[in-house]
Amino acid sequence: MRKILIFRFSAMGDVVMLLPVVKGILEENQDVEIYLLTQKIFFPFFQSIERLVLLEADLKNRHRKIKGLFSLYKEIARTVKPDLVIDLHCVIRTTILDFFFFLNGFKVFRFDKGTLEKAKLIRTKNVVPLKSGIERYLDIFNKAGIRGRLSTGVLFNSSRQNIGDIGILTRDLVIGIAPFAKHKQKVWGIDKVGELIRRINQRYSCNILLFGGGSNEITALRNLAAEFDNCVVSSDYFSLSQEIGVVQSLSLMLSMDSANMHIAAMAGVPTVSVWGATHPALGFAPYNQPSENIVQYSGNEISCRPCSVYGAKPCKYGDTIRCMDLVSVDIVFDRITSILDRK
């Protein structure tokens, strides 16, 4: 049995994007075991996958500094003894680990982030779709001699969560909405989400489940949910592990360019995504979702989009996010109704 050690520590969306690659490699290579080194918070995404072993990178405590990373290396080298090491993150921490493994005779491969291609797209605004992050993950496996394909369908092995069990979501049609993202340049706006919910409620008998994390987001979601009798905040009832099963039970997910978008797509749920400062052409489009489910402004009123790869660059227009302001509630509502009416 060949043992492949891979590591990816963050961000959540990038870690989730490993799923079709890891599952596809294991399905095509029955003589391979994959050891995934990542943060423990991400373990629920990879539960119960045969021949996938999860290893914890405790980056805040035990493995925070170089000494901790060396200890982590020694433990893995002693217990796992990998045949190949694949760095799927390529940051300072993983580069240090690469060095330890390489120095001691292990074969180490590092994936290509496409940094120069992405920088050129941002600079020139010549929006030609680049290779996706998922495809880049698969490429480095191929380069390492591990041939495989991308797995499809519902990629989570966790079972569906019966959201009716909480006694509040009593309608068959349940829509998930994840209004936030790591950077505000990727956020459509809570006011627009509220207007959208009102429009949805006028047309459908449904329940709406709001997704988010962190105290500020949860507070905003609770305030929004209080405006509607059919709207609840997911994290008030479910853990992250349970939410994976909850998402699989949704009729549709509306999300920004965020981890929730990738989670819903991996769960095989119709996913409408709203894009602002970033662009799906940079390689982060939701997996196996039709392009028409991607909502973004593409007119001539602004010429600065996309302005960054990850959405961290402040908007040149100040507090407003002009490219998000130009995405109307009508556009998003029409996309949602076109999906729900077919269902």
Protein backbone atom coordinates (compact mmCIF):
# COMPACT_ATOMS: atom_id res chain seq x y z
CA MET A 1 0.00 0.00 0.00
CA ARG A 2 1.48 3.33 -1.09
CA LYS A 3 1.21 6.08 1.51
CA ILE A 4 0.70 9.65 0.28
CA LEU A 5 1.00 12.50 2.75
CA ILE A 6 -0.73 15.72 1.71
CA PHE A 7 -1.17 18.96 3.62
CA ARG A 8 -3.49 21.91 3.34
CA PHE A 9 -4.09 24.00 6.48
CA SER A 10 -6.54 26.71 5.31
CA ALA A 11 -8.73 28.41 4.19
CA MET A 12 -11.91 26.43 4.74
CA GLY A 13 -13.07 26.73 1.13
CA ASP A 14 -9.67 25.68 -0.21
CA VAL A 15 -9.62 22.67 2.10
CA VAL A 16 -13.14 21.61 1.06
CA MET A 17 -12.04 21.85 -2.59
CA LEU A 18 -9.77 18.86 -1.91
CA LEU A 19 -12.76 16.52 -1.70
CA PRO A 20 -13.28 15.60 -5.38
CA VAL A 21 -9.52 15.15 -5.79
CA VAL A 22 -8.94 12.97 -2.74
CA LYS A 23 -11.99 10.81 -3.39
CA GLY A 24 -11.18 10.51 -7.09
CA ILE A 25 -7.58 9.48 -6.42
CA LEU A 26 -8.65 6.85 -3.90
CA GLU A 27 -11.36 5.48 -6.20
CA GLU A 28 -8.86 5.05 -9.04
CA ASN A 29 -5.95 3.75 -6.94
CA GLN A 30 -6.94 0.89 -4.64
CA ASP A 31 -3.32 0.50 -3.53
CA VAL A 32 -3.08 4.05 -2.16
CA GLU A 33 -3.65 5.47 1.32
CA ILE A 34 -3.85 9.24 1.71
CA TYR A 35 -2.86 10.97 4.95
CA LEU A 36 -4.35 14.47 5.09
CA LEU A 37 -2.62 16.88 7.46
CA THR A 38 -4.94 19.78 8.24
CA GLN A 39 -6.60 21.63 11.10
CA LYS A 40 -8.94 19.57 13.25
CA ILE A 41 -11.86 21.92 12.59
CA PHE A 42 -11.90 20.65 8.99
CA PHE A 43 -12.06 16.94 9.88
CA PRO A 44 -15.89 16.68 9.51
CA PHE A 45 -15.63 17.34 5.77
CA PHE A 46 -13.59 14.16 5.28
CA GLN A 47 -15.21 11.69 7.68
CA SER A 48 -15.66 8.03 6.74
CA ILE A 49 -13.68 8.09 3.50
CA GLU A 50 -12.04 4.72 3.06
CA ARG A 51 -8.21 4.80 3.07
CA LEU A 52 -8.13 8.47 4.06
CA VAL A 53 -6.43 9.14 7.41
CA LEU A 54 -6.77 12.55 9.05
CA LEU A 55 -3.80 14.05 10.88
CA GLU A 56 -4.08 17.17 13.03
CA ALA A 57 -1.93 20.25 12.53
CA ASP A 58 -2.28 22.16 15.81
CA LEU A 59 -1.02 25.49 14.48
CA LYS A 60 -2.05 27.55 17.50
CA ASN A 61 -0.28 25.45 20.12
CA ARG A 62 1.86 22.34 19.62
CA HIS A 63 2.91 23.04 16.04
CA ARG A 64 2.93 26.84 16.07
CA LYS A 65 6.67 27.54 15.68
CA ILE A 66 9.59 25.89 13.88
CA LYS A 67 10.28 23.62 16.84
CA GLY A 68 6.65 22.48 16.80
CA LEU A 69 6.75 21.88 13.05
CA PHE A 70 9.90 19.81 13.46
CA SER A 71 8.16 17.77 16.14
CA LEU A 72 5.22 17.29 13.77
CA TYR A 73 7.57 16.18 11.00
CA LYS A 74 9.31 13.65 13.27
CA GLU A 75 6.01 12.18 14.45
CA ILE A 76 4.70 11.72 10.88
CA ALA A 77 8.00 10.41 9.54
CA ARG A 78 8.11 7.84 12.34
CA THR A 79 4.49 6.70 12.34
CA VAL A 80 3.36 7.15 8.72
CA LYS A 81 6.61 6.83 6.76
CA PRO A 82 5.05 8.29 3.59
CA ASP A 83 6.19 7.24 0.14
CA LEU A 84 5.35 10.69 -1.23
CA VAL A 85 4.76 14.12 0.31
CA ILE A 86 2.54 16.61 -1.56
CA ASP A 87 2.33 20.21 -0.40
CA LEU A 88 -1.07 21.57 -1.48
CA HIS A 89 -0.70 24.86 0.39
CA CYS A 90 2.80 26.26 -0.27
CA VAL A 91 3.00 28.82 2.54
CA ILE A 92 5.84 29.41 5.00
CA ARG A 93 4.73 26.67 7.41
CA THR A 94 4.36 24.03 4.73
CA THR A 95 7.62 25.08 3.08
CA ILE A 96 9.38 24.42 6.39
CA LEU A 97 7.78 20.98 6.53
CA ASP A 98 8.79 20.38 2.92
CA PHE A 99 12.38 21.16 3.87
CA PHE A 100 12.38 18.73 6.79
CA PHE A 101 10.98 15.91 4.66
CA PHE A 102 13.24 16.64 1.68
CA LEU A 103 16.35 16.89 3.86
CA ASN A 104 15.65 13.42 5.18
CA GLY A 105 15.19 11.70 1.85
CA PHE A 106 11.43 11.92 1.26
CA LYS A 107 10.08 12.73 -2.20
CA VAL A 108 8.35 16.13 -1.98
CA PHE A 109 6.08 17.74 -4.57
CA ARG A 110 4.59 21.27 -4.42
CA PHE A 111 1.52 22.34 -6.35
CA ASP A 112 1.40 25.35 -8.66
CA LYS A 113 -0.92 28.07 -7.36
CA GLY A 114 -0.86 29.91 -10.68
CA THR A 115 0.15 33.11 -8.90
CA LEU A 116 1.59 34.85 -11.96
CA GLU A 117 -1.39 33.96 -14.17
CA LYS A 118 -3.82 35.29 -11.57
CA ALA A 119 -1.80 38.48 -11.09
CA LYS A 120 -1.83 39.05 -14.85
CA LEU A 121 -5.60 38.58 -15.04
CA ILE A 122 -6.09 41.09 -12.21
CA ARG A 123 -3.73 43.59 -13.86
CA THR A 124 -5.02 43.33 -17.44
CA LYS A 125 -8.71 42.56 -16.71
CA ASN A 126 -8.50 40.08 -19.56
CA VAL A 127 -10.95 37.64 -18.02
CA VAL A 128 -10.03 34.30 -19.55
CA PRO A 129 -10.90 31.35 -17.28
CA LEU A 130 -7.82 29.94 -15.59
CA LYS A 131 -7.36 26.38 -14.43
CA SER A 132 -9.43 25.78 -11.29
CA GLY A 133 -7.85 25.19 -7.90
CA ILE A 134 -9.32 21.68 -7.94
CA GLU A 135 -7.66 20.91 -11.27
CA ARG A 136 -4.37 22.28 -9.93
CA TYR A 137 -4.62 19.90 -6.97
CA LEU A 138 -5.12 16.99 -9.33
CA ASP A 139 -2.22 18.09 -11.54
CA ILE A 140 0.33 17.71 -8.77
CA PHE A 141 -0.88 14.19 -7.98
CA ASN A 142 -0.37 13.35 -11.66
CA LYS A 143 3.07 14.93 -11.58
CA ALA A 144 3.90 12.76 -8.58
CA GLY A 145 2.90 9.67 -10.56
CA ILE A 146 -0.49 9.14 -8.91
CA ARG A 147 -3.04 9.08 -11.70
CA GLY A 148 -6.65 9.79 -10.96
CA ARG A 149 -9.79 11.70 -11.82
CA LEU A 150 -12.18 14.08 -10.11
CA SER A 151 -15.02 12.41 -8.21
CA THR A 152 -18.54 13.72 -8.82
CA GLY A 153 -21.97 13.58 -7.22
CA VAL A 154 -22.51 14.15 -3.49
CA LEU A 155 -18.98 14.17 -2.12
CA PHE A 156 -19.68 14.08 1.62
CA ASN A 157 -19.97 10.69 3.28
CA SER A 158 -21.99 12.08 6.19
CA SER A 159 -25.69 11.28 6.11
CA ARG A 160 -28.39 13.85 5.51
CA GLN A 161 -29.56 15.68 8.61
CA ASN A 162 -33.34 15.70 9.04
CA ILE A 163 -33.82 19.42 9.57
CA GLY A 164 -37.44 18.84 10.52
CA ASP A 165 -36.19 17.33 13.78
CA ILE A 166 -35.68 20.78 15.33
CA GLY A 167 -39.43 21.42 15.12
CA ILE A 168 -39.17 24.78 13.36
CA LEU A 169 -38.44 24.00 9.73
CA THR A 170 -41.72 22.34 8.84
CA ARG A 171 -42.01 23.06 5.10
CA ASP A 172 -40.70 20.84 2.34
CA LEU A 173 -38.94 23.69 0.54
CA VAL A 174 -35.88 24.83 2.52
CA ILE A 175 -33.54 27.49 1.13
CA GLY A 176 -30.11 28.12 2.59
CA ILE A 177 -28.59 31.60 2.54
CA ALA A 178 -24.98 32.38 3.50
CA PRO A 179 -24.72 36.19 3.26
CA PHE A 180 -21.14 36.64 4.48
CA ALA A 181 -17.57 36.02 3.35
CA LYS A 182 -14.13 36.54 4.86
CA HIS A 183 -13.71 39.95 3.18
CA LYS A 184 -16.43 42.60 2.91
CA GLN A 185 -15.57 43.11 -0.78
CA LYS A 186 -17.23 39.73 -1.36
CA VAL A 187 -20.42 40.52 0.61
CA TRP A 188 -23.60 41.47 -1.22
CA GLY A 189 -25.20 43.16 1.80
CA ILE A 190 -27.56 42.13 4.58
CA ASP A 191 -30.19 44.67 3.48
CA LYS A 192 -30.35 43.14 0.01
CA VAL A 193 -30.61 39.68 1.55
CA GLY A 194 -33.54 40.88 3.65
CA GLU A 195 -35.30 42.27 0.57
CA LEU A 196 -34.62 39.02 -1.27
CA ILE A 197 -36.16 36.96 1.55
CA ARG A 198 -39.29 39.10 1.42
CA ARG A 199 -39.54 38.49 -2.33
CA ILE A 200 -39.04 34.75 -1.86
CA ASN A 201 -41.72 34.59 0.84
CA GLN A 202 -44.21 36.31 -1.45
CA ARG A 203 -43.78 33.55 -4.03
CA TYR A 204 -43.01 30.37 -2.09
CA SER A 205 -44.10 28.58 1.05
CA CYS A 206 -40.67 27.77 2.42
CA ASN A 207 -38.27 27.84 5.32
CA ILE A 208 -35.01 29.75 5.17
CA LEU A 209 -31.87 28.64 6.97
CA LEU A 210 -29.13 31.25 7.49
CA PHE A 211 -25.48 30.19 7.58
CA GLY A 212 -22.51 32.02 9.07
CA GLY A 213 -19.85 31.89 11.76
CA GLY A 214 -18.25 34.17 14.33
CA SER A 215 -20.04 36.38 16.85
CA ASN A 216 -20.57 39.38 14.55
CA GLU A 217 -22.05 37.31 11.75
CA ILE A 218 -24.28 35.31 14.10
CA THR A 219 -25.62 38.49 15.68
CA ALA A 220 -26.44 39.95 12.26
CA LEU A 221 -28.09 36.70 11.17
CA ARG A 222 -30.22 36.54 14.33
CA ASN A 223 -31.39 40.10 13.77
CA LEU A 224 -32.29 39.22 10.19
CA ALA A 225 -34.07 36.01 11.22
CA ALA A 226 -36.14 37.93 13.76
CA GLU A 227 -37.82 39.78 10.89
CA PHE A 228 -39.33 36.59 9.45
CA ASP A 229 -41.31 33.76 11.04
CA ASN A 230 -39.90 31.16 8.62
CA CYS A 231 -36.22 32.03 9.06
CA VAL A 232 -33.70 30.51 11.54
CA VAL A 233 -29.94 30.60 12.07
CA SER A 234 -28.34 27.22 11.41
CA SER A 235 -25.57 27.46 14.02
CA ASP A 236 -28.18 27.98 16.76
CA TYR A 237 -29.24 24.37 16.22
CA PHE A 238 -26.44 22.49 14.46
CA SER A 239 -22.72 21.93 14.85
CA LEU A 240 -20.43 22.24 11.81
CA SER A 241 -20.46 18.45 11.44
CA GLN A 242 -24.27 18.42 11.47
CA GLU A 243 -24.45 21.37 9.06
CA ILE A 244 -22.80 19.25 6.37
CA GLY A 245 -25.80 16.91 6.56
CA VAL A 246 -28.16 19.87 6.76
CA VAL A 247 -26.81 21.40 3.56
CA GLN A 248 -27.48 18.13 1.72
CA SER A 249 -31.17 18.52 2.58
CA LEU A 250 -31.52 22.02 1.10
CA SER A 251 -33.49 22.73 -2.04
CA LEU A 252 -31.07 25.53 -2.92
CA MET A 253 -28.19 27.51 -1.43
CA LEU A 254 -27.48 31.19 -2.02
CA SER A 255 -23.94 32.12 -1.08
CA MET A 256 -21.20 34.63 -1.66
CA ASP A 257 -17.75 33.54 -2.90
CA SER A 258 -17.10 31.71 0.35
CA ALA A 259 -16.63 28.31 1.99
CA ASN A 260 -20.42 27.82 2.18
CA MET A 261 -20.57 28.03 -1.61
CA HIS A 262 -18.04 25.21 -1.94
CA ILE A 263 -19.73 23.11 0.76
CA ALA A 264 -23.12 23.36 -0.94
CA ALA A 265 -21.64 22.55 -4.34
CA MET A 266 -19.81 19.51 -2.93
CA ALA A 267 -23.11 18.40 -1.41
CA GLY A 268 -24.69 18.39 -4.86
CA VAL A 269 -27.11 21.20 -4.01
CA PRO A 270 -28.08 23.82 -6.62
CA THR A 271 -25.87 26.75 -5.60
CA VAL A 272 -26.42 30.35 -6.64
CA SER A 273 -23.31 32.39 -5.93
CA VAL A 274 -22.95 36.19 -5.92
CA TRP A 275 -19.54 37.61 -6.86
CA GLY A 276 -18.10 41.06 -6.25
CA ALA A 277 -14.43 41.97 -6.08
CA THR A 278 -13.31 38.45 -7.02
CA HIS A 279 -14.08 36.48 -10.15
CA PRO A 280 -14.82 32.78 -10.81
CA ALA A 281 -12.37 32.85 -13.73
CA LEU A 282 -9.54 32.95 -11.18
CA GLY A 283 -10.19 29.28 -10.38
CA PHE A 284 -12.57 29.29 -7.43
CA ALA A 285 -15.92 28.69 -9.10
CA PRO A 286 -18.25 26.25 -7.29
CA TYR A 287 -17.65 22.66 -8.34
CA ASN A 288 -20.01 21.09 -10.89
CA GLN A 289 -22.40 24.05 -10.92
CA PRO A 290 -23.72 25.54 -14.18
CA SER A 291 -22.26 28.91 -15.13
CA GLU A 292 -25.71 30.52 -15.16
CA ASN A 293 -25.87 30.04 -11.37
CA ILE A 294 -22.97 32.47 -11.00
CA VAL A 295 -24.34 36.00 -10.55
CA GLN A 296 -21.98 38.93 -11.14
CA TYR A 297 -21.90 42.38 -12.68
CA SER A 298 -20.40 42.37 -16.16
CA GLY A 299 -21.47 45.74 -17.57
CA ASN A 300 -19.45 48.81 -18.52
CA GLU A 301 -20.22 51.03 -15.54
CA ILE A 302 -17.06 49.88 -13.74
CA SER A 303 -13.76 48.65 -15.16
CA CYS A 304 -11.89 47.73 -11.96
CA ARG A 305 -13.33 44.26 -11.46
CA PRO A 306 -11.82 41.87 -10.53
CA CYS A 307 -9.57 43.89 -8.26
CA SER A 308 -7.97 41.04 -6.27
CA VAL A 309 -7.69 37.27 -6.17
CA TYR A 310 -9.14 36.74 -2.69
CA GLY A 311 -11.15 39.93 -2.17
CA ALA A 312 -8.86 41.49 0.44
CA LYS A 313 -8.12 44.73 -1.43
CA PRO A 314 -10.23 47.71 -0.23
CA CYS A 315 -12.70 49.05 -2.77
CA LYS A 316 -11.50 52.18 -4.62
CA TYR A 317 -14.98 53.66 -4.18
CA GLY A 318 -14.67 53.78 -0.39
CA ASP A 319 -17.17 52.17 1.96
CA THR A 320 -19.45 51.04 -0.85
CA ILE A 321 -18.61 47.94 -2.86
CA ARG A 322 -19.62 49.24 -6.28
CA CYS A 323 -19.53 45.89 -8.11
CA MET A 324 -21.82 44.37 -5.47
CA ASP A 325 -24.14 47.37 -5.47
CA LEU A 326 -24.69 46.83 -9.19
CA VAL A 327 -25.98 43.29 -8.61
CA SER A 328 -29.70 43.84 -8.09
CA VAL A 329 -32.14 41.83 -6.01
CA ASP A 330 -34.13 41.24 -9.21
CA ILE A 331 -31.20 39.45 -10.87
CA VAL A 332 -30.60 37.14 -7.91
CA PHE A 333 -34.32 36.50 -7.39
CA ASP A 334 -34.80 35.59 -11.06
CA ARG A 335 -31.95 33.07 -10.90
CA ILE A 336 -33.40 31.49 -7.75
CA THR A 337 -36.91 31.25 -9.17
CA SER A 338 -35.63 29.72 -12.41
CA ILE A 339 -34.16 26.87 -10.34
CA LEU A 340 -37.01 26.41 -7.87
CA ASP A 341 -39.74 26.55 -10.50
CA ARG A 342 -38.01 23.74 -12.40
CA LYS A 343 -37.80 21.67 -9.20
